Amino acid sequence: MLYTVSFYFQERELEGAQESGNVNVLAKEIDKLQTDKREVDNELRRLREEQQAMHMQSTTQAKLDMLSGQRKEQQRGSYSENVREINPFV
């Protein structure tokens, strides 16, 4: 029985040594994954900034279009008012 317990502990130590060898490989993988994550995070930040800029540009363009439409309406109104002043029967 003592032999099996000792053998069990030796086997566990061997597994631990093998795992520690894998630890180095896993550490390298973790470093690479962290680098990849940083790159993805940077790309996501850049895309969000671009999206925000596009939204701002779209909002600004919509406001300009609304103002332009209001000016055209005012111009049409003044044109028809001017015509009525010239010819009240129109």
PDB file of N, CA and C in Angstrom:
ATOM      1  N   MET A   1       0.817  -1.183   0.000  1.00  0.00           N
ATOM      2  CA  MET A   1       0.000   0.000   0.000  1.00  0.00           C
ATOM      3  C   MET A   1       0.869   1.259   0.000  1.00  0.00           C
ATOM      4  N   LEU A   2       1.911   1.244   0.801  1.00  0.00           N
ATOM      5  CA  LEU A   2       2.805   2.383   0.870  1.00  0.00           C
ATOM      6  C   LEU A   2       3.454   2.646  -0.486  1.00  0.00           C
ATOM      7  N   TYR A   3       3.754   1.592  -1.176  1.00  0.00           N
ATOM      8  CA  TYR A   3       4.354   1.711  -2.505  1.00  0.00           C
ATOM      9  C   TYR A   3       3.400   2.414  -3.456  1.00  0.00           C
ATOM     10  N   THR A   4       2.112   2.092  -3.428  1.00  0.00           N
ATOM     11  CA  THR A   4       1.136   2.717  -4.309  1.00  0.00           C
ATOM     12  C   THR A   4       0.949   4.186  -3.959  1.00  0.00           C
ATOM     13  N   VAL A   5       0.957   4.521  -2.688  1.00  0.00           N
ATOM     14  CA  VAL A   5       0.808   5.917  -2.293  1.00  0.00           C
ATOM     15  C   VAL A   5       2.022   6.702  -2.777  1.00  0.00           C
ATOM     16  N   SER A   6       3.195   6.158  -2.584  1.00  0.00           N
ATOM     17  CA  SER A   6       4.405   6.817  -3.037  1.00  0.00           C
ATOM     18  C   SER A   6       4.404   6.953  -4.560  1.00  0.00           C
ATOM     19  N   PHE A   7       3.995   5.898  -5.218  1.00  0.00           N
ATOM     20  CA  PHE A   7       3.905   5.930  -6.673  1.00  0.00           C
ATOM     21  C   PHE A   7       2.894   6.999  -7.124  1.00  0.00           C
ATOM     22  N   TYR A   8       1.796   7.105  -6.418  1.00  0.00           N
ATOM     23  CA  TYR A   8       0.762   8.095  -6.737  1.00  0.00           C
ATOM     24  C   TYR A   8       1.339   9.510  -6.626  1.00  0.00           C
ATOM     25  N   PHE A   9       2.085   9.769  -5.537  1.00  0.00           N
ATOM     26  CA  PHE A   9       2.665  11.102  -5.349  1.00  0.00           C
ATOM     27  C   PHE A   9       3.728  11.402  -6.403  1.00  0.00           C
ATOM     28  N   GLN A  10       4.516  10.396  -6.766  1.00  0.00           N
ATOM     29  CA  GLN A  10       5.512  10.588  -7.815  1.00  0.00           C
ATOM     30  C   GLN A  10       4.827  10.877  -9.152  1.00  0.00           C
ATOM     31  N   GLU A  11       3.754  10.184  -9.388  1.00  0.00           N
ATOM     32  CA  GLU A  11       3.003  10.416 -10.627  1.00  0.00           C
ATOM     33  C   GLU A  11       2.447  11.847 -10.650  1.00  0.00           C
ATOM     34  N   ARG A  12       1.938  12.310  -9.532  1.00  0.00           N
ATOM     35  CA  ARG A  12       1.414  13.682  -9.424  1.00  0.00           C
ATOM     36  C   ARG A  12       2.531  14.707  -9.642  1.00  0.00           C
ATOM     37  N   GLU A  13       3.723  14.434  -9.100  1.00  0.00           N
ATOM     38  CA  GLU A  13       4.857  15.337  -9.307  1.00  0.00           C
ATOM     39  C   GLU A  13       5.244  15.383 -10.778  1.00  0.00           C
ATOM     40  N   LEU A  14       5.208  14.219 -11.428  1.00  0.00           N
ATOM     41  CA  LEU A  14       5.522  14.166 -12.849  1.00  0.00           C
ATOM     42  C   LEU A  14       4.486  14.956 -13.642  1.00  0.00           C
ATOM     43  N   GLU A  15       3.228  14.801 -13.318  1.00  0.00           N
ATOM     44  CA  GLU A  15       2.174  15.570 -13.992  1.00  0.00           C
ATOM     45  C   GLU A  15       2.385  17.056 -13.752  1.00  0.00           C
ATOM     46  N   GLY A  16       2.765  17.416 -12.540  1.00  0.00           N
ATOM     47  CA  GLY A  16       3.035  18.816 -12.223  1.00  0.00           C
ATOM     48  C   GLY A  16       4.179  19.361 -13.052  1.00  0.00           C
ATOM     49  N   ALA A  17       5.228  18.546 -13.212  1.00  0.00           N
ATOM     50  CA  ALA A  17       6.371  18.972 -14.017  1.00  0.00           C
ATOM     51  C   ALA A  17       5.955  19.126 -15.478  1.00  0.00           C
ATOM     52  N   GLN A  18       5.142  18.214 -15.963  1.00  0.00           N
ATOM     53  CA  GLN A  18       4.662  18.305 -17.342  1.00  0.00           C
ATOM     54  C   GLN A  18       3.784  19.532 -17.518  1.00  0.00           C
ATOM     55  N   GLU A  19       2.943  19.771 -16.518  1.00  0.00           N
ATOM     56  CA  GLU A  19       2.075  20.947 -16.588  1.00  0.00           C
ATOM     57  C   GLU A  19       2.898  22.228 -16.552  1.00  0.00           C
ATOM     58  N   SER A  20       3.974  22.242 -15.770  1.00  0.00           N
ATOM     59  CA  SER A  20       4.790  23.456 -15.721  1.00  0.00           C
ATOM     60  C   SER A  20       5.462  23.692 -17.063  1.00  0.00           C
ATOM     61  N   GLY A  21       5.783  22.621 -17.780  1.00  0.00           N
ATOM     62  CA  GLY A  21       6.287  22.779 -19.141  1.00  0.00           C
ATOM     63  C   GLY A  21       5.221  23.385 -20.026  1.00  0.00           C
ATOM     64  N   ASN A  22       4.002  22.978 -19.807  1.00  0.00           N
ATOM     65  CA  ASN A  22       2.880  23.528 -20.560  1.00  0.00           C
ATOM     66  C   ASN A  22       2.573  24.958 -20.134  1.00  0.00           C
ATOM     67  N   VAL A  23       2.962  25.284 -18.915  1.00  0.00           N
ATOM     68  CA  VAL A  23       2.700  26.629 -18.413  1.00  0.00           C
ATOM     69  C   VAL A  23       3.430  27.650 -19.279  1.00  0.00           C
ATOM     70  N   ASN A  24       4.657  27.337 -19.659  1.00  0.00           N
ATOM     71  CA  ASN A  24       5.407  28.263 -20.509  1.00  0.00           C
ATOM     72  C   ASN A  24       4.710  28.449 -21.852  1.00  0.00           C
ATOM     73  N   VAL A  25       4.239  27.341 -22.419  1.00  0.00           N
ATOM     74  CA  VAL A  25       3.523  27.418 -23.691  1.00  0.00           C
ATOM     75  C   VAL A  25       2.235  28.212 -23.503  1.00  0.00           C
ATOM     76  N   LEU A  26       1.533  27.917 -22.414  1.00  0.00           N
ATOM     77  CA  LEU A  26       0.284  28.632 -22.143  1.00  0.00           C
ATOM     78  C   LEU A  26       0.541  30.114 -21.887  1.00  0.00           C
ATOM     79  N   ALA A  27       1.633  30.438 -21.229  1.00  0.00           N
ATOM     80  CA  ALA A  27       1.964  31.850 -20.972  1.00  0.00           C
ATOM     81  C   ALA A  27       2.195  32.587 -22.286  1.00  0.00           C
ATOM     82  N   LYS A  28       2.875  31.933 -23.227  1.00  0.00           N
ATOM     83  CA  LYS A  28       3.089  32.551 -24.531  1.00  0.00           C
ATOM     84  C   LYS A  28       1.768  32.742 -25.270  1.00  0.00           C
ATOM     85  N   GLU A  29       0.905  31.731 -25.162  1.00  0.00           N
ATOM     86  CA  GLU A  29      -0.415  31.851 -25.795  1.00  0.00           C
ATOM     87  C   GLU A  29      -1.208  32.995 -25.178  1.00  0.00           C
ATOM     88  N   ILE A  30      -1.139  33.110 -23.864  1.00  0.00           N
ATOM     89  CA  ILE A  30      -1.861  34.179 -23.166  1.00  0.00           C
ATOM     90  C   ILE A  30      -1.335  35.540 -23.616  1.00  0.00           C
ATOM     91  N   ASP A  31      -0.016  35.671 -23.723  1.00  0.00           N
ATOM     92  CA  ASP A  31       0.569  36.935 -24.178  1.00  0.00           C
ATOM     93  C   ASP A  31       0.088  37.286 -25.580  1.00  0.00           C
ATOM     94  N   LYS A  32       0.080  36.277 -26.458  1.00  0.00           N
ATOM     95  CA  LYS A  32      -0.377  36.517 -27.831  1.00  0.00           C
ATOM     96  C   LYS A  32      -1.843  36.907 -27.852  1.00  0.00           C
ATOM     97  N   LEU A  33      -2.656  36.225 -27.053  1.00  0.00           N
ATOM     98  CA  LEU A  33      -4.088  36.547 -27.004  1.00  0.00           C
ATOM     99  C   LEU A  33      -4.317  37.945 -26.436  1.00  0.00           C
ATOM    100  N   GLN A  34      -3.519  38.329 -25.453  1.00  0.00           N
ATOM    101  CA  GLN A  34      -3.650  39.677 -24.892  1.00  0.00           C
ATOM    102  C   GLN A  34      -3.269  40.728 -25.934  1.00  0.00           C
ATOM    103  N   THR A  35      -2.236  40.443 -26.708  1.00  0.00           N
ATOM    104  CA  THR A  35      -1.838  41.361 -27.777  1.00  0.00           C
ATOM    105  C   THR A  35      -2.949  41.468 -28.814  1.00  0.00           C
ATOM    106  N   ASP A  36      -3.507  40.313 -29.188  1.00  0.00           N
ATOM    107  CA  ASP A  36      -4.614  40.314 -30.148  1.00  0.00           C
ATOM    108  C   ASP A  36      -5.801  41.101 -29.610  1.00  0.00           C
ATOM    109  N   LYS A  37      -6.083  40.937 -28.332  1.00  0.00           N
ATOM    110  CA  LYS A  37      -7.207  41.654 -27.715  1.00  0.00           C
ATOM    111  C   LYS A  37      -6.966  43.161 -27.747  1.00  0.00           C
ATOM    112  N   ARG A  38      -5.729  43.582 -27.453  1.00  0.00           N
ATOM    113  CA  ARG A  38      -5.416  45.011 -27.511  1.00  0.00           C
ATOM    114  C   ARG A  38      -5.626  45.557 -28.919  1.00  0.00           C
ATOM    115  N   GLU A  39      -5.201  44.779 -29.915  1.00  0.00           N
ATOM    116  CA  GLU A  39      -5.384  45.215 -31.302  1.00  0.00           C
ATOM    117  C   GLU A  39      -6.864  45.328 -31.656  1.00  0.00           C
ATOM    118  N   VAL A  40      -7.646  44.354 -31.230  1.00  0.00           N
ATOM    119  CA  VAL A  40      -9.087  44.384 -31.502  1.00  0.00           C
ATOM    120  C   VAL A  40      -9.737  45.555 -30.769  1.00  0.00           C
ATOM    121  N   ASP A  41      -9.330  45.791 -29.528  1.00  0.00           N
ATOM    122  CA  ASP A  41      -9.870  46.919 -28.764  1.00  0.00           C
ATOM    123  C   ASP A  41      -9.535  48.247 -29.440  1.00  0.00           C
ATOM    124  N   ASN A  42      -8.316  48.377 -29.940  1.00  0.00           N
ATOM    125  CA  ASN A  42      -7.922  49.611 -30.634  1.00  0.00           C
ATOM    126  C   ASN A  42      -8.746  49.799 -31.903  1.00  0.00           C
ATOM    127  N   GLU A  43      -8.945  48.715 -32.650  1.00  0.00           N
ATOM    128  CA  GLU A  43      -9.746  48.796 -33.872  1.00  0.00           C
ATOM    129  C   GLU A  43     -11.196  49.155 -33.538  1.00  0.00           C
ATOM    130  N   LEU A  44     -11.720  48.563 -32.476  1.00  0.00           N
ATOM    131  CA  LEU A  44     -13.087  48.872 -32.056  1.00  0.00           C
ATOM    132  C   LEU A  44     -13.215  50.339 -31.657  1.00  0.00           C
ATOM    133  N   ARG A  45     -12.221  50.848 -30.931  1.00  0.00           N
ATOM    134  CA  ARG A  45     -12.243  52.261 -30.532  1.00  0.00           C
ATOM    135  C   ARG A  45     -12.213  53.164 -31.770  1.00  0.00           C
ATOM    136  N   ARG A  46     -11.359  52.818 -32.728  1.00  0.00           N
ATOM    137  CA  ARG A  46     -11.268  53.615 -33.960  1.00  0.00           C
ATOM    138  C   ARG A  46     -12.591  53.588 -34.725  1.00  0.00           C
ATOM    139  N   LEU A  47     -13.210  52.417 -34.803  1.00  0.00           N
ATOM    140  CA  LEU A  47     -14.485  52.308 -35.519  1.00  0.00           C
ATOM    141  C   LEU A  47     -15.598  53.074 -34.804  1.00  0.00           C
ATOM    142  N   ARG A  48     -15.579  53.047 -33.480  1.00  0.00           N
ATOM    143  CA  ARG A  48     -16.592  53.810 -32.722  1.00  0.00           C
ATOM    144  C   ARG A  48     -16.421  55.309 -32.942  1.00  0.00           C
ATOM    145  N   GLU A  49     -15.168  55.755 -32.970  1.00  0.00           N
ATOM    146  CA  GLU A  49     -14.906  57.183 -33.230  1.00  0.00           C
ATOM    147  C   GLU A  49     -15.376  57.555 -34.630  1.00  0.00           C
ATOM    148  N   GLU A  50     -15.116  56.671 -35.590  1.00  0.00           N
ATOM    149  CA  GLU A  50     -15.553  56.923 -36.962  1.00  0.00           C
ATOM    150  C   GLU A  50     -17.080  56.943 -37.048  1.00  0.00           C
ATOM    151  N   GLN A  51     -17.717  56.027 -36.336  1.00  0.00           N
ATOM    152  CA  GLN A  51     -19.180  55.987 -36.319  1.00  0.00           C
ATOM    153  C   GLN A  51     -19.744  57.276 -35.715  1.00  0.00           C
ATOM    154  N   GLN A  52     -19.125  57.741 -34.635  1.00  0.00           N
ATOM    155  CA  GLN A  52     -19.578  58.974 -33.993  1.00  0.00           C
ATOM    156  C   GLN A  52     -19.405  60.164 -34.938  1.00  0.00           C
ATOM    157  N   ALA A  53     -18.281  60.210 -35.646  1.00  0.00           N
ATOM    158  CA  ALA A  53     -18.043  61.297 -36.598  1.00  0.00           C
ATOM    159  C   ALA A  53     -19.071  61.256 -37.725  1.00  0.00           C
ATOM    160  N   MET A  54     -19.372  60.062 -38.218  1.00  0.00           N
ATOM    161  CA  MET A  54     -20.364  59.930 -39.283  1.00  0.00           C
ATOM    162  C   MET A  54     -21.757  60.335 -38.795  1.00  0.00           C
ATOM    163  N   HIS A  55     -22.074  59.977 -37.553  1.00  0.00           N
ATOM    164  CA  HIS A  55     -23.369  60.369 -36.984  1.00  0.00           C
ATOM    165  C   HIS A  55     -23.460  61.890 -36.872  1.00  0.00           C
ATOM    166  N   MET A  56     -22.373  62.504 -36.408  1.00  0.00           N
ATOM    167  CA  MET A  56     -22.357  63.957 -36.270  1.00  0.00           C
ATOM    168  C   MET A  56     -22.506  64.619 -37.639  1.00  0.00           C
ATOM    169  N   GLN A  57     -21.811  64.070 -38.636  1.00  0.00           N
ATOM    170  CA  GLN A  57     -21.897  64.626 -39.989  1.00  0.00           C
ATOM    171  C   GLN A  57     -23.321  64.472 -40.533  1.00  0.00           C
ATOM    172  N   SER A  58     -23.925  63.320 -40.295  1.00  0.00           N
ATOM    173  CA  SER A  58     -25.285  63.073 -40.763  1.00  0.00           C
ATOM    174  C   SER A  58     -26.281  64.020 -40.086  1.00  0.00           C
ATOM    175  N   THR A  59     -26.107  64.204 -38.785  1.00  0.00           N
ATOM    176  CA  THR A  59     -26.988  65.108 -38.036  1.00  0.00           C
ATOM    177  C   THR A  59     -26.837  66.539 -38.552  1.00  0.00           C
ATOM    178  N   THR A  60     -25.610  66.955 -38.767  1.00  0.00           N
ATOM    179  CA  THR A  60     -25.350  68.301 -39.275  1.00  0.00           C
ATOM    180  C   THR A  60     -25.975  68.487 -40.653  1.00  0.00           C
ATOM    181  N   GLN A  61     -25.826  67.470 -41.512  1.00  0.00           N
ATOM    182  CA  GLN A  61     -26.402  67.553 -42.856  1.00  0.00           C
ATOM    183  C   GLN A  61     -27.925  67.633 -42.789  1.00  0.00           C
ATOM    184  N   ALA A  62     -28.536  66.870 -41.887  1.00  0.00           N
ATOM    185  CA  ALA A  62     -29.995  66.914 -41.739  1.00  0.00           C
ATOM    186  C   ALA A  62     -30.447  68.299 -41.279  1.00  0.00           C
ATOM    187  N   LYS A  63     -29.707  68.901 -40.343  1.00  0.00           N
ATOM    188  CA  LYS A  63     -30.052  70.250 -39.873  1.00  0.00           C
ATOM    189  C   LYS A  63     -29.916  71.264 -40.997  1.00  0.00           C
ATOM    190  N   LEU A  64     -28.843  71.126 -41.789  1.00  0.00           N
ATOM    191  CA  LEU A  64     -28.663  72.037 -42.918  1.00  0.00           C
ATOM    192  C   LEU A  64     -29.800  71.882 -43.931  1.00  0.00           C
ATOM    193  N   ASP A  65     -30.189  70.642 -44.191  1.00  0.00           N
ATOM    194  CA  ASP A  65     -31.292  70.391 -45.124  1.00  0.00           C
ATOM    195  C   ASP A  65     -32.588  71.004 -44.608  1.00  0.00           C
ATOM    196  N   MET A  66     -32.820  70.882 -43.295  1.00  0.00           N
ATOM    197  CA  MET A  66     -34.035  71.469 -42.713  1.00  0.00           C
ATOM    198  C   MET A  66     -34.006  72.984 -42.855  1.00  0.00           C
ATOM    199  N   LEU A  67     -32.865  73.591 -42.547  1.00  0.00           N
ATOM    200  CA  LEU A  67     -32.744  75.048 -42.663  1.00  0.00           C
ATOM    201  C   LEU A  67     -32.907  75.477 -44.113  1.00  0.00           C
ATOM    202  N   SER A  68     -32.333  74.741 -45.019  1.00  0.00           N
ATOM    203  CA  SER A  68     -32.448  75.050 -46.441  1.00  0.00           C
ATOM    204  C   SER A  68     -33.911  74.963 -46.881  1.00  0.00           C
ATOM    205  N   GLY A  69     -34.601  73.942 -46.398  1.00  0.00           N
ATOM    206  CA  GLY A  69     -36.024  73.790 -46.715  1.00  0.00           C
ATOM    207  C   GLY A  69     -36.851  74.936 -46.165  1.00  0.00           C
ATOM    208  N   GLN A  70     -36.529  75.375 -44.953  1.00  0.00           N
ATOM    209  CA  GLN A  70     -37.257  76.499 -44.360  1.00  0.00           C
ATOM    210  C   GLN A  70     -37.005  77.776 -45.155  1.00  0.00           C
ATOM    211  N   ARG A  71     -35.777  77.959 -45.588  1.00  0.00           N
ATOM    212  CA  ARG A  71     -35.464  79.157 -46.374  1.00  0.00           C
ATOM    213  C   ARG A  71     -36.221  79.138 -47.696  1.00  0.00           C
ATOM    214  N   LYS A  72     -36.296  77.965 -48.313  1.00  0.00           N
ATOM    215  CA  LYS A  72     -37.029  77.866 -49.574  1.00  0.00           C
ATOM    216  C   LYS A  72     -38.503  78.180 -49.352  1.00  0.00           C
ATOM    217  N   GLU A  73     -39.035  77.686 -48.237  1.00  0.00           N
ATOM    218  CA  GLU A  73     -40.440  77.977 -47.916  1.00  0.00           C
ATOM    219  C   GLU A  73     -40.630  79.479 -47.704  1.00  0.00           C
ATOM    220  N   GLN A  74     -39.676  80.092 -46.990  1.00  0.00           N
ATOM    221  CA  GLN A  74     -39.773  81.526 -46.759  1.00  0.00           C
ATOM    222  C   GLN A  74     -39.659  82.289 -48.076  1.00  0.00           C
ATOM    223  N   GLN A  75     -38.753  81.822 -48.942  1.00  0.00           N
ATOM    224  CA  GLN A  75     -38.591  82.487 -50.231  1.00  0.00           C
ATOM    225  C   GLN A  75     -39.852  82.341 -51.066  1.00  0.00           C
ATOM    226  N   ARG A  76     -40.446  81.150 -51.041  1.00  0.00           N
ATOM    227  CA  ARG A  76     -41.695  80.954 -51.788  1.00  0.00           C
ATOM    228  C   ARG A  76     -42.786  81.850 -51.238  1.00  0.00           C
ATOM    229  N   GLY A  77     -42.829  81.910 -49.890  1.00  0.00           N
ATOM    230  CA  GLY A  77     -43.837  82.774 -49.266  1.00  0.00           C
ATOM    231  C   GLY A  77     -43.618  84.225 -49.641  1.00  0.00           C
ATOM    232  N   SER A  78     -42.402  84.700 -49.593  1.00  0.00           N
ATOM    233  CA  SER A  78     -42.145  86.079 -49.956  1.00  0.00           C
ATOM    234  C   SER A  78     -42.405  86.312 -51.423  1.00  0.00           C
ATOM    235  N   TYR A  79     -42.089  85.327 -52.254  1.00  0.00           N
ATOM    236  CA  TYR A  79     -42.349  85.477 -53.693  1.00  0.00           C
ATOM    237  C   TYR A  79     -43.845  85.641 -53.934  1.00  0.00           C
ATOM    238  N   SER A  80     -44.651  84.747 -53.321  1.00  0.00           N
ATOM    239  CA  SER A  80     -46.094  84.864 -53.530  1.00  0.00           C
ATOM    240  C   SER A  80     -46.645  86.140 -52.908  1.00  0.00           C
ATOM    241  N   GLU A  81     -46.084  86.562 -51.783  1.00  0.00           N
ATOM    242  CA  GLU A  81     -46.516  87.827 -51.193  1.00  0.00           C
ATOM    243  C   GLU A  81     -46.156  88.995 -52.105  1.00  0.00           C
ATOM    244  N   ASN A  82     -44.985  88.939 -52.690  1.00  0.00           N
ATOM    245  CA  ASN A  82     -44.564  89.999 -53.618  1.00  0.00           C
ATOM    246  C   ASN A  82     -45.482  90.039 -54.834  1.00  0.00           C
ATOM    247  N   VAL A  83     -45.851  88.873 -55.326  1.00  0.00           N
ATOM    248  CA  VAL A  83     -46.736  88.830 -56.488  1.00  0.00           C
ATOM    249  C   VAL A  83     -48.101  89.397 -56.106  1.00  0.00           C
ATOM    250  N   ARG A  84     -48.591  89.078 -54.914  1.00  0.00           N
ATOM    251  CA  ARG A  84     -49.894  89.613 -54.463  1.00  0.00           C
ATOM    252  C   ARG A  84     -49.828  91.134 -54.299  1.00  0.00           C
ATOM    253  N   GLU A  85     -48.693  91.620 -53.859  1.00  0.00           N
ATOM    254  CA  GLU A  85     -48.571  93.057 -53.720  1.00  0.00           C
ATOM    255  C   GLU A  85     -48.613  93.727 -55.082  1.00  0.00           C
ATOM    256  N   ILE A  86     -47.992  93.069 -56.062  1.00  0.00           N
ATOM    257  CA  ILE A  86     -47.979  93.643 -57.400  1.00  0.00           C
ATOM    258  C   ILE A  86     -49.359  93.498 -58.037  1.00  0.00           C
ATOM    259  N   ASN A  87     -49.926  92.338 -57.931  1.00  0.00           N
ATOM    260  CA  ASN A  87     -51.223  92.050 -58.557  1.00  0.00           C
ATOM    261  C   ASN A  87     -52.122  91.428 -57.491  1.00  0.00           C
ATOM    262  N   PRO A  88     -52.949  92.181 -56.849  1.00  0.00           N
ATOM    263  CA  PRO A  88     -53.776  91.678 -55.750  1.00  0.00           C
ATOM    264  C   PRO A  88     -54.805  90.656 -56.207  1.00  0.00           C
ATOM    265  N   PHE A  89     -55.049  90.480 -57.493  1.00  0.00           N
ATOM    266  CA  PHE A  89     -56.049  89.533 -57.975  1.00  0.00           C
ATOM    267  C   PHE A  89     -55.501  88.120 -58.155  1.00  0.00           C
ATOM    268  N   VAL A  90     -54.235  87.937 -57.919  1.00  0.00           N
ATOM    269  CA  VAL A  90     -53.629  86.593 -58.085  1.00  0.00           C
ATOM    270  C   VAL A  90     -53.744  85.821 -56.818  1.00  0.00           C
TER     271      VAL A  90
END
